Protein backbone atom coordinates (compact mmCIF):
# COMPACT_ATOMS: atom_id res chain seq x y z
CA UNK A 1 0.00 0.00 0.00
CA UNK A 2 3.02 2.31 0.08
CA UNK A 3 6.18 3.20 -1.82
CA UNK A 4 8.33 0.24 -2.81
CA UNK A 5 11.97 1.13 -3.47
CA UNK A 6 12.75 -2.09 -5.35
CA UNK A 7 14.08 -1.20 -8.82
CA UNK A 8 14.48 -4.54 -10.58
CA UNK A 9 12.22 -7.00 -12.36
CA UNK A 10 9.15 -8.44 -10.65
CA UNK A 11 7.46 -11.76 -11.46
CA UNK A 12 4.01 -12.60 -10.16
CA UNK A 13 4.06 -16.39 -10.19
CA UNK A 14 0.69 -16.99 -8.52
CA UNK A 15 -2.00 -15.42 -6.39
CA UNK A 16 -3.00 -11.75 -6.47
CA UNK A 17 -0.91 -8.66 -5.83
CA UNK A 18 -3.16 -5.71 -4.99
CA UNK A 19 -1.40 -2.47 -5.91
CA UNK A 20 -3.10 0.13 -3.75
CA UNK A 21 -0.69 2.93 -2.91
CA UNK A 22 -2.45 6.18 -2.00
CA UNK A 23 -1.80 9.50 -3.76
CA UNK A 24 1.95 9.73 -4.56
CA UNK A 25 2.73 6.31 -3.05
CA UNK A 26 3.02 3.95 -6.00
CA UNK A 27 3.35 0.28 -5.17
CA UNK A 28 5.55 -0.58 -8.18
CA UNK A 29 6.76 2.87 -9.21
CA UNK A 30 10.45 2.01 -9.61
CA UNK A 31 10.41 -1.42 -11.26
CA UNK A 32 11.92 -2.01 -14.71
CA UNK A 33 9.69 -4.92 -15.73
CA UNK A 34 6.76 -7.00 -14.56
CA UNK A 35 5.84 -10.54 -15.63
CA UNK A 36 2.40 -11.90 -14.78
CA UNK A 37 2.44 -15.69 -15.09
CA UNK A 38 -0.48 -18.10 -15.45
CA UNK A 39 -2.58 -18.21 -12.30
CA UNK A 40 -1.34 -14.79 -11.16
CA UNK A 41 -3.23 -11.49 -11.07
CA UNK A 42 -2.11 -7.88 -10.73
CA UNK A 43 -5.05 -6.02 -9.21
CA UNK A 44 -4.88 -2.29 -9.82
CA UNK A 45 -6.79 -1.18 -6.74
CA UNK A 46 -5.74 2.44 -7.34
CA UNK A 47 -4.33 4.38 -10.28
CA UNK A 48 -0.69 5.24 -11.05
CA UNK A 49 0.75 2.17 -9.31
CA UNK A 50 3.26 0.92 -11.90
CA UNK A 51 6.20 2.67 -13.52
CA UNK A 52 5.10 4.17 -16.85
CA UNK A 53 8.26 2.73 -18.41
CA UNK A 54 8.00 -0.82 -17.02
CA UNK A 55 7.94 -3.59 -19.63
CA UNK A 56 4.88 -5.76 -18.98
CA UNK A 57 4.99 -9.44 -19.98
CA UNK A 58 1.75 -11.37 -19.81
CA UNK A 59 2.54 -15.10 -19.69
CA UNK A 60 -0.92 -16.43 -19.01
CA UNK A 61 -1.80 -14.07 -16.16
CA UNK A 62 -4.34 -11.30 -15.62
CA UNK A 63 -4.21 -7.56 -15.03
CA UNK A 64 -7.48 -6.45 -13.43
CA UNK A 65 -8.54 -2.90 -12.62
CA UNK A 66 -10.83 -1.72 -9.85
CA UNK A 67 -13.72 0.63 -10.75
CA UNK A 68 -12.55 3.99 -12.09
CA UNK A 69 -8.87 3.05 -12.14
CA UNK A 70 -6.66 4.04 -15.09
CA UNK A 71 -3.01 3.05 -15.54
CA UNK A 72 -0.11 3.74 -17.91
CA UNK A 73 2.51 1.04 -18.50
CA UNK A 74 5.54 0.58 -20.72
CA UNK A 75 5.59 -1.88 -23.63
CA UNK A 76 3.39 -4.99 -23.53
CA UNK A 77 4.67 -8.43 -24.52
CA UNK A 78 2.22 -11.33 -24.79
CA UNK A 79 3.74 -14.81 -24.56
CA UNK A 80 0.66 -16.89 -23.69
CA UNK A 81 -3.13 -16.48 -23.57
CA UNK A 82 -3.67 -13.69 -21.03
CA UNK A 83 -6.36 -11.31 -19.84
CA UNK A 84 -6.91 -7.62 -19.24
CA UNK A 85 -9.96 -7.56 -16.97
CA UNK A 86 -11.69 -4.17 -16.92
CA UNK A 87 -13.86 -5.22 -13.97
CA UNK A 88 -17.14 -3.53 -13.14
CA UNK A 89 -18.29 -0.10 -12.09
CA UNK A 90 -16.81 3.16 -13.36
CA UNK A 91 -14.90 2.83 -16.64
CA UNK A 92 -11.17 3.42 -16.96
CA UNK A 93 -8.25 3.33 -19.37
CA UNK A 94 -5.28 1.00 -19.69
CA UNK A 95 -2.43 2.43 -21.77
CA UNK A 96 0.63 0.52 -22.98
CA UNK A 97 3.59 1.28 -25.22
CA UNK A 98 4.23 -0.99 -28.19
CA UNK A 99 2.36 -4.28 -28.30
CA UNK A 100 4.24 -7.45 -29.19
CA UNK A 101 2.58 -10.85 -29.27
CA UNK A 102 5.53 -13.23 -29.16
CA UNK A 103 3.07 -16.09 -28.68
CA UNK A 104 0.97 -15.21 -31.76
CA UNK A 105 -0.83 -16.66 -33.55
CA UNK A 106 -1.53 -19.17 -30.78
CA UNK A 107 -1.63 -16.63 -27.94
CA UNK A 108 -4.48 -14.15 -27.63
CA UNK A 109 -5.11 -11.18 -25.34
CA UNK A 110 -8.62 -11.29 -23.87
CA UNK A 111 -10.29 -8.03 -22.89
CA UNK A 112 -12.78 -9.17 -20.26
CA UNK A 113 -15.67 -7.07 -18.93
CA UNK A 114 -14.95 -4.54 -21.64
CA UNK A 115 -18.04 -2.43 -21.05
CA UNK A 116 -19.01 1.02 -22.34
CA UNK A 117 -16.46 3.76 -21.68
CA UNK A 118 -13.47 1.48 -21.09
CA UNK A 119 -10.47 2.09 -23.32
CA UNK A 120 -7.33 0.18 -24.24
CA UNK A 121 -4.56 2.24 -25.86
CA UNK A 122 -1.59 0.53 -27.51
CA UNK A 123 1.42 2.33 -29.01
CA UNK A 124 1.45 0.13 -32.10
CA UNK A 125 -0.27 0.13 -35.48
CA UNK A 126 -2.44 -2.97 -35.24
CA UNK A 127 -4.59 -2.19 -38.28
CA UNK A 128 -3.46 -5.45 -39.89
CA UNK A 129 -5.13 -7.37 -37.06
CA UNK A 130 -8.11 -5.18 -36.20
CA UNK A 131 -9.38 -2.83 -38.91
CA UNK A 132 -10.30 0.62 -37.58
CA UNK A 133 -14.06 1.08 -37.46
CA UNK A 134 -17.10 0.28 -35.35
CA UNK A 135 -17.97 -3.27 -34.35
CA UNK A 136 -21.43 -4.02 -32.97
CA UNK A 137 -20.64 -7.41 -31.54
CA UNK A 138 -20.40 -8.97 -28.12
CA UNK A 139 -17.36 -11.02 -29.04
CA UNK A 140 -14.48 -10.64 -31.47
CA UNK A 141 -11.49 -12.89 -31.99
CA UNK A 142 -8.38 -13.08 -34.15
CA UNK A 143 -4.81 -14.15 -33.50
CA UNK A 144 -4.07 -11.04 -31.40
CA UNK A 145 -7.28 -10.25 -29.56
CA UNK A 146 -10.31 -11.88 -28.05
CA UNK A 147 -12.71 -9.17 -26.96
CA UNK A 148 -15.76 -10.17 -24.93
CA UNK A 149 -18.27 -8.94 -22.36
CA UNK A 150 -18.95 -5.84 -24.42
CA UNK A 151 -22.25 -4.11 -23.73
CA UNK A 152 -22.70 -2.68 -27.21
CA UNK A 153 -19.58 -3.32 -29.23
CA UNK A 154 -16.42 -1.30 -29.66
CA UNK A 155 -14.57 1.06 -31.94
CA UNK A 156 -11.01 0.66 -33.14
CA UNK A 157 -9.08 3.69 -34.31
CA UNK A 158 -5.54 4.64 -35.28
CA UNK A 159 -4.41 8.12 -34.29
CA UNK A 160 -0.77 8.97 -34.88
CA UNK A 161 1.21 6.18 -33.22
CA UNK A 162 -1.59 4.97 -30.94
CA UNK A 163 -4.13 2.23 -31.66
CA UNK A 164 -7.20 2.72 -29.46
CA UNK A 165 -9.98 0.24 -28.70
CA UNK A 166 -13.00 1.77 -26.96
CA UNK A 167 -16.12 -0.01 -25.73
CA UNK A 168 -19.33 1.71 -26.84
CA UNK A 169 -22.82 1.73 -25.28
CA UNK A 170 -25.35 -0.92 -26.15
CA UNK A 171 -27.62 0.40 -28.96
CA UNK A 172 -30.73 -0.35 -26.87
CA UNK A 173 -29.28 1.69 -24.00
CA UNK A 174 -28.72 4.66 -26.30
CA UNK A 175 -32.30 4.42 -27.62
CA UNK A 176 -33.69 4.12 -24.09
CA UNK A 177 -31.71 7.17 -22.96
CA UNK A 178 -32.92 9.17 -25.98
CA UNK A 179 -36.55 8.14 -25.30
CA UNK A 180 -36.22 9.14 -21.64
CA UNK A 181 -34.74 12.50 -22.60
CA UNK A 182 -37.59 13.12 -25.06
CA UNK A 183 -40.14 12.24 -22.36
CA UNK A 184 -38.55 14.68 -19.87
CA UNK A 185 -38.49 17.44 -22.50
CA UNK A 186 -42.13 16.78 -23.37
CA UNK A 187 -43.14 16.83 -19.70
CA UNK A 188 -41.31 20.10 -19.12
CA UNK A 189 -43.02 21.73 -22.12
CA UNK A 190 -46.49 20.62 -20.92
CA UNK A 191 -45.87 22.26 -17.53
CA UNK A 192 -44.96 25.62 -19.06
CA UNK A 193 -47.68 28.29 -18.60
CA UNK A 194 -49.76 28.93 -21.71
CA UNK A 195 -48.85 25.62 -23.35
CA UNK A 196 -51.36 22.80 -23.67
């Protein structure tokens, strides 16, 4: 829960490490690299817990964020099927440097609980694997990504050197919100003096 002065490489071999340093106390702020092995989970219980330059290797493990948490990492290397779990509650953003899938095409990165408002930003042009555009689907899979638990689909876009994947609202939710807004507007107009 506080500053950790260790400056080397960290491997999570099993279990869960909850990174929860408060304010300027970053649990893994000085590390050079982090490997999350199969059966291990890095729980981002608060934001800004990991060095922005740390190389992240996912070797079958999971990085999970608590509600509202956003985090910036260094480059991401995928060596085995692994998961980025966006959890529940308030959306957040996970940002990485370049994305390398050493385990491709057999290894895939799963974005779990990728609900509306959540964003994954990768510093690589991945247009060859995921064409920029809007996808209204609850699941998507190729050799680099498996995206699931999406409320209404997602958009993929390339902007400069960043490839961004953003979950979008469920179409029914958008229609319901628009209908509710129209009802409120109609009710307000009916209550105005002189209007019938």
